[in-house]
Amino acid sequence: MGEGYQFHCRRSFYRYIVETSATLISNTGLRKPVIVRNVCPRGACVFSNHPIEPAEHVEIELVYLFDKPINKKAKVIWAREIEKDFWQAGLDFGLDNLLDLS
């Protein structure tokens, strides 16, 4: 495996370490800046200074990973406050995964 790859035996996809900014957009249109720690075709791990709720349906706007902005719908699979006012969350793209970038 080359640099930038991370594989966990329990995972179905390679996770790419990216450390880039993105925006989560809630169902109500609220925009939350996040840092994307890693991404794979099926999901992403993000960090935010704003609360993220498990089971929340969001859209993530990935700007710096590709030549053009990519918006993907996602469900927050898990979220936790890892320290005061700092959250970590796992997103699942489901059928709208990154393998289909249309």
N, C-alpha and C. Protein backbone atom coordinates (compact mmCIF):
# COMPACT_ATOMS: atom_id res chain seq x y z
N MET A 1 0.83 -1.19 0.00
CA MET A 1 0.00 0.00 0.00
C MET A 1 0.87 1.24 0.00
N GLY A 2 0.46 2.26 -0.72
CA GLY A 2 1.22 3.50 -0.79
C GLY A 2 0.82 4.47 0.29
N GLU A 3 1.47 5.60 0.31
CA GLU A 3 1.13 6.64 1.27
C GLU A 3 -0.29 7.12 1.04
N GLY A 4 -0.95 7.55 2.10
CA GLY A 4 -2.31 8.05 1.98
C GLY A 4 -3.37 6.96 2.07
N TYR A 5 -2.95 5.70 2.16
CA TYR A 5 -3.88 4.60 2.27
C TYR A 5 -3.92 4.12 3.71
N GLN A 6 -5.08 3.69 4.12
CA GLN A 6 -5.23 3.10 5.43
C GLN A 6 -6.26 2.00 5.28
N PHE A 7 -5.95 0.80 5.70
CA PHE A 7 -6.90 -0.29 5.55
C PHE A 7 -7.15 -0.92 6.90
N HIS A 8 -8.40 -1.10 7.21
CA HIS A 8 -8.80 -1.77 8.44
C HIS A 8 -9.47 -3.07 8.03
N CYS A 9 -9.10 -4.17 8.63
CA CYS A 9 -9.60 -5.48 8.23
C CYS A 9 -11.12 -5.57 8.26
N ARG A 10 -11.77 -4.87 9.18
CA ARG A 10 -13.22 -4.94 9.26
C ARG A 10 -13.90 -4.04 8.24
N ARG A 11 -13.18 -3.28 7.49
CA ARG A 11 -13.73 -2.35 6.50
C ARG A 11 -13.78 -3.02 5.12
N SER A 12 -14.74 -2.60 4.30
CA SER A 12 -14.87 -3.12 2.95
C SER A 12 -14.08 -2.30 1.94
N PHE A 13 -13.71 -1.07 2.29
CA PHE A 13 -13.03 -0.17 1.36
C PHE A 13 -11.77 0.42 2.00
N TYR A 14 -10.81 0.75 1.16
CA TYR A 14 -9.66 1.50 1.63
C TYR A 14 -10.14 2.87 2.10
N ARG A 15 -9.50 3.40 3.12
CA ARG A 15 -9.78 4.75 3.59
C ARG A 15 -8.60 5.61 3.20
N TYR A 16 -8.88 6.73 2.58
CA TYR A 16 -7.85 7.66 2.14
C TYR A 16 -7.78 8.81 3.14
N ILE A 17 -6.62 9.04 3.70
CA ILE A 17 -6.42 10.15 4.63
C ILE A 17 -6.34 11.42 3.80
N VAL A 18 -7.22 12.38 4.08
CA VAL A 18 -7.27 13.57 3.25
C VAL A 18 -7.04 14.87 4.02
N GLU A 19 -7.54 14.97 5.25
CA GLU A 19 -7.37 16.18 6.06
C GLU A 19 -7.67 17.45 5.26
N THR A 20 -8.93 17.60 4.87
CA THR A 20 -9.35 18.76 4.09
C THR A 20 -10.67 19.30 4.63
N SER A 21 -11.00 20.51 4.26
CA SER A 21 -12.24 21.10 4.73
C SER A 21 -13.40 20.75 3.80
N ALA A 22 -14.60 20.80 4.36
CA ALA A 22 -15.83 20.54 3.61
C ALA A 22 -16.96 21.23 4.36
N THR A 23 -18.16 21.09 3.85
CA THR A 23 -19.33 21.67 4.49
C THR A 23 -20.41 20.61 4.59
N LEU A 24 -21.00 20.47 5.79
CA LEU A 24 -22.17 19.62 5.96
C LEU A 24 -23.39 20.53 5.86
N ILE A 25 -24.38 20.11 5.10
CA ILE A 25 -25.60 20.88 4.93
C ILE A 25 -26.75 20.03 5.49
N SER A 26 -27.43 20.55 6.52
CA SER A 26 -28.52 19.82 7.15
C SER A 26 -29.78 19.89 6.30
N ASN A 27 -30.79 19.12 6.68
CA ASN A 27 -32.08 19.14 5.98
C ASN A 27 -32.71 20.53 5.99
N THR A 28 -32.40 21.32 7.02
CA THR A 28 -32.97 22.66 7.12
C THR A 28 -32.13 23.71 6.40
N GLY A 29 -31.03 23.28 5.79
CA GLY A 29 -30.17 24.20 5.05
C GLY A 29 -29.05 24.80 5.87
N LEU A 30 -28.97 24.44 7.16
CA LEU A 30 -27.88 24.93 8.02
C LEU A 30 -26.56 24.36 7.52
N ARG A 31 -25.58 25.23 7.32
CA ARG A 31 -24.26 24.84 6.82
C ARG A 31 -23.27 24.79 7.99
N LYS A 32 -22.61 23.65 8.16
CA LYS A 32 -21.63 23.46 9.23
C LYS A 32 -20.27 23.17 8.60
N PRO A 33 -19.26 23.98 8.87
CA PRO A 33 -17.93 23.65 8.37
C PRO A 33 -17.39 22.43 9.11
N VAL A 34 -16.74 21.55 8.37
CA VAL A 34 -16.14 20.34 8.95
C VAL A 34 -14.76 20.12 8.36
N ILE A 35 -13.99 19.32 9.04
CA ILE A 35 -12.72 18.83 8.52
C ILE A 35 -12.93 17.35 8.20
N VAL A 36 -12.62 16.95 6.99
CA VAL A 36 -12.71 15.55 6.59
C VAL A 36 -11.37 14.91 6.90
N ARG A 37 -11.38 13.94 7.79
CA ARG A 37 -10.14 13.27 8.18
C ARG A 37 -9.78 12.18 7.18
N ASN A 38 -10.77 11.37 6.84
CA ASN A 38 -10.53 10.33 5.84
C ASN A 38 -11.81 10.09 5.07
N VAL A 39 -11.65 9.49 3.90
CA VAL A 39 -12.78 9.24 3.02
C VAL A 39 -12.58 7.92 2.31
N CYS A 40 -13.67 7.25 2.01
CA CYS A 40 -13.65 6.04 1.20
C CYS A 40 -14.86 6.11 0.28
N PRO A 41 -15.01 5.21 -0.66
CA PRO A 41 -16.16 5.30 -1.56
C PRO A 41 -17.50 5.30 -0.83
N ARG A 42 -17.57 4.68 0.33
CA ARG A 42 -18.85 4.52 1.03
C ARG A 42 -19.10 5.57 2.11
N GLY A 43 -18.06 6.32 2.56
CA GLY A 43 -18.29 7.25 3.65
C GLY A 43 -17.10 8.11 3.98
N ALA A 44 -17.22 8.82 5.11
CA ALA A 44 -16.17 9.74 5.54
C ALA A 44 -16.21 9.89 7.05
N CYS A 45 -15.08 10.29 7.61
CA CYS A 45 -14.98 10.65 9.02
C CYS A 45 -14.72 12.15 9.07
N VAL A 46 -15.56 12.87 9.83
CA VAL A 46 -15.45 14.33 9.88
C VAL A 46 -15.35 14.81 11.32
N PHE A 47 -14.80 16.02 11.47
CA PHE A 47 -14.70 16.70 12.75
C PHE A 47 -15.32 18.08 12.61
N SER A 48 -15.95 18.56 13.70
CA SER A 48 -16.62 19.86 13.63
C SER A 48 -16.67 20.52 15.00
N ASN A 49 -16.73 21.84 14.99
CA ASN A 49 -16.97 22.61 16.21
C ASN A 49 -18.46 22.78 16.46
N HIS A 50 -19.28 22.20 15.60
CA HIS A 50 -20.74 22.29 15.71
C HIS A 50 -21.30 20.91 15.98
N PRO A 51 -22.35 20.81 16.78
CA PRO A 51 -22.94 19.49 17.08
C PRO A 51 -23.37 18.76 15.81
N ILE A 52 -23.13 17.47 15.79
CA ILE A 52 -23.57 16.59 14.71
C ILE A 52 -24.36 15.47 15.39
N GLU A 53 -25.58 15.23 14.91
CA GLU A 53 -26.46 14.26 15.55
C GLU A 53 -26.47 12.93 14.79
N PRO A 54 -26.35 11.80 15.52
CA PRO A 54 -26.49 10.49 14.87
C PRO A 54 -27.86 10.38 14.20
N ALA A 55 -27.91 9.68 13.09
CA ALA A 55 -29.12 9.44 12.29
C ALA A 55 -29.56 10.67 11.50
N GLU A 56 -28.85 11.78 11.64
CA GLU A 56 -29.17 12.98 10.87
C GLU A 56 -28.85 12.73 9.39
N HIS A 57 -29.72 13.20 8.51
CA HIS A 57 -29.47 13.11 7.08
C HIS A 57 -28.90 14.45 6.64
N VAL A 58 -27.77 14.40 5.96
CA VAL A 58 -27.06 15.62 5.57
C VAL A 58 -26.60 15.50 4.12
N GLU A 59 -26.06 16.58 3.63
CA GLU A 59 -25.36 16.58 2.35
C GLU A 59 -23.97 17.10 2.66
N ILE A 60 -22.96 16.48 2.09
CA ILE A 60 -21.60 16.96 2.29
C ILE A 60 -21.10 17.54 0.98
N GLU A 61 -20.53 18.72 1.09
CA GLU A 61 -19.97 19.41 -0.07
C GLU A 61 -18.46 19.32 0.02
N LEU A 62 -17.88 18.49 -0.85
CA LEU A 62 -16.43 18.28 -0.89
C LEU A 62 -15.87 19.15 -2.00
N VAL A 63 -15.06 20.12 -1.64
CA VAL A 63 -14.57 21.08 -2.63
C VAL A 63 -13.14 20.80 -3.03
N TYR A 64 -12.28 20.52 -2.09
CA TYR A 64 -10.85 20.46 -2.37
C TYR A 64 -10.33 19.09 -2.75
N LEU A 65 -11.19 18.07 -2.79
CA LEU A 65 -10.73 16.73 -3.13
C LEU A 65 -10.74 16.48 -4.63
N PHE A 66 -11.54 17.24 -5.36
CA PHE A 66 -11.74 16.97 -6.78
C PHE A 66 -11.60 18.27 -7.56
N ASP A 67 -11.59 18.14 -8.89
CA ASP A 67 -11.48 19.32 -9.76
C ASP A 67 -12.70 20.22 -9.65
N LYS A 68 -13.84 19.63 -9.37
CA LYS A 68 -15.08 20.41 -9.22
C LYS A 68 -15.72 20.01 -7.90
N PRO A 69 -16.52 20.87 -7.30
CA PRO A 69 -17.18 20.51 -6.05
C PRO A 69 -18.08 19.29 -6.23
N ILE A 70 -18.08 18.41 -5.25
CA ILE A 70 -18.92 17.22 -5.26
C ILE A 70 -19.85 17.31 -4.07
N ASN A 71 -21.14 17.15 -4.30
CA ASN A 71 -22.12 17.10 -3.22
C ASN A 71 -22.69 15.69 -3.16
N LYS A 72 -22.64 15.10 -1.97
CA LYS A 72 -23.17 13.75 -1.78
C LYS A 72 -24.07 13.73 -0.56
N LYS A 73 -25.19 13.04 -0.70
CA LYS A 73 -26.08 12.84 0.44
C LYS A 73 -25.45 11.80 1.35
N ALA A 74 -25.67 11.96 2.65
CA ALA A 74 -25.10 11.02 3.61
C ALA A 74 -25.99 10.94 4.84
N LYS A 75 -25.80 9.87 5.58
CA LYS A 75 -26.46 9.70 6.87
C LYS A 75 -25.37 9.65 7.93
N VAL A 76 -25.59 10.35 9.01
CA VAL A 76 -24.64 10.31 10.13
C VAL A 76 -24.87 8.98 10.85
N ILE A 77 -23.91 8.08 10.73
CA ILE A 77 -24.03 6.75 11.33
C ILE A 77 -23.71 6.78 12.82
N TRP A 78 -22.71 7.55 13.18
CA TRP A 78 -22.35 7.70 14.58
C TRP A 78 -21.76 9.10 14.77
N ALA A 79 -21.88 9.61 15.97
CA ALA A 79 -21.30 10.92 16.31
C ALA A 79 -21.04 10.95 17.80
N ARG A 80 -20.00 11.66 18.16
CA ARG A 80 -19.69 11.81 19.59
C ARG A 80 -18.95 13.12 19.81
N GLU A 81 -19.18 13.69 20.97
CA GLU A 81 -18.44 14.88 21.37
C GLU A 81 -17.15 14.37 21.99
N ILE A 82 -16.02 14.65 21.35
CA ILE A 82 -14.75 14.09 21.84
C ILE A 82 -14.07 15.00 22.84
N GLU A 83 -14.44 16.25 22.83
CA GLU A 83 -14.07 17.19 23.88
C GLU A 83 -15.07 18.33 23.82
N LYS A 84 -15.03 19.23 24.77
CA LYS A 84 -16.03 20.29 24.81
C LYS A 84 -16.09 21.04 23.48
N ASP A 85 -17.28 21.08 22.90
CA ASP A 85 -17.54 21.78 21.65
C ASP A 85 -16.70 21.29 20.47
N PHE A 86 -16.38 19.99 20.45
CA PHE A 86 -15.65 19.41 19.32
C PHE A 86 -16.18 18.00 19.07
N TRP A 87 -16.79 17.77 17.89
CA TRP A 87 -17.45 16.52 17.57
C TRP A 87 -16.72 15.78 16.46
N GLN A 88 -16.88 14.47 16.50
CA GLN A 88 -16.39 13.58 15.45
C GLN A 88 -17.60 12.77 14.98
N ALA A 89 -17.69 12.52 13.68
CA ALA A 89 -18.83 11.77 13.16
C ALA A 89 -18.42 10.91 11.98
N GLY A 90 -19.13 9.81 11.82
CA GLY A 90 -18.96 8.93 10.67
C GLY A 90 -20.14 9.07 9.74
N LEU A 91 -19.88 9.32 8.48
CA LEU A 91 -20.93 9.49 7.48
C LEU A 91 -20.98 8.28 6.56
N ASP A 92 -22.18 7.89 6.17
CA ASP A 92 -22.38 6.81 5.21
C ASP A 92 -23.06 7.38 3.98
N PHE A 93 -22.42 7.24 2.81
CA PHE A 93 -22.99 7.74 1.57
C PHE A 93 -24.04 6.80 1.00
N GLY A 94 -24.10 5.57 1.49
CA GLY A 94 -25.08 4.61 1.00
C GLY A 94 -24.94 4.38 -0.49
N LEU A 95 -26.06 4.36 -1.18
CA LEU A 95 -26.05 4.13 -2.63
C LEU A 95 -25.50 5.29 -3.41
N ASP A 96 -25.39 6.47 -2.77
CA ASP A 96 -24.86 7.67 -3.42
C ASP A 96 -23.35 7.76 -3.18
N ASN A 97 -22.67 6.61 -3.31
CA ASN A 97 -21.26 6.57 -2.91
C ASN A 97 -20.34 7.27 -3.90
N LEU A 98 -19.10 7.43 -3.51
CA LEU A 98 -18.13 8.17 -4.31
C LEU A 98 -17.67 7.43 -5.56
N LEU A 99 -18.07 6.18 -5.73
CA LEU A 99 -17.73 5.47 -6.96
C LEU A 99 -18.53 6.01 -8.14
N ASP A 100 -19.67 6.66 -7.82
CA ASP A 100 -20.50 7.29 -8.84
C ASP A 100 -20.38 8.79 -8.68
N LEU A 101 -19.47 9.42 -9.39
CA LEU A 101 -19.23 10.85 -9.25
C LEU A 101 -19.99 11.68 -10.28
N SER A 102 -21.06 11.14 -10.81
CA SER A 102 -21.85 11.89 -11.79
C SER A 102 -22.68 12.97 -11.15
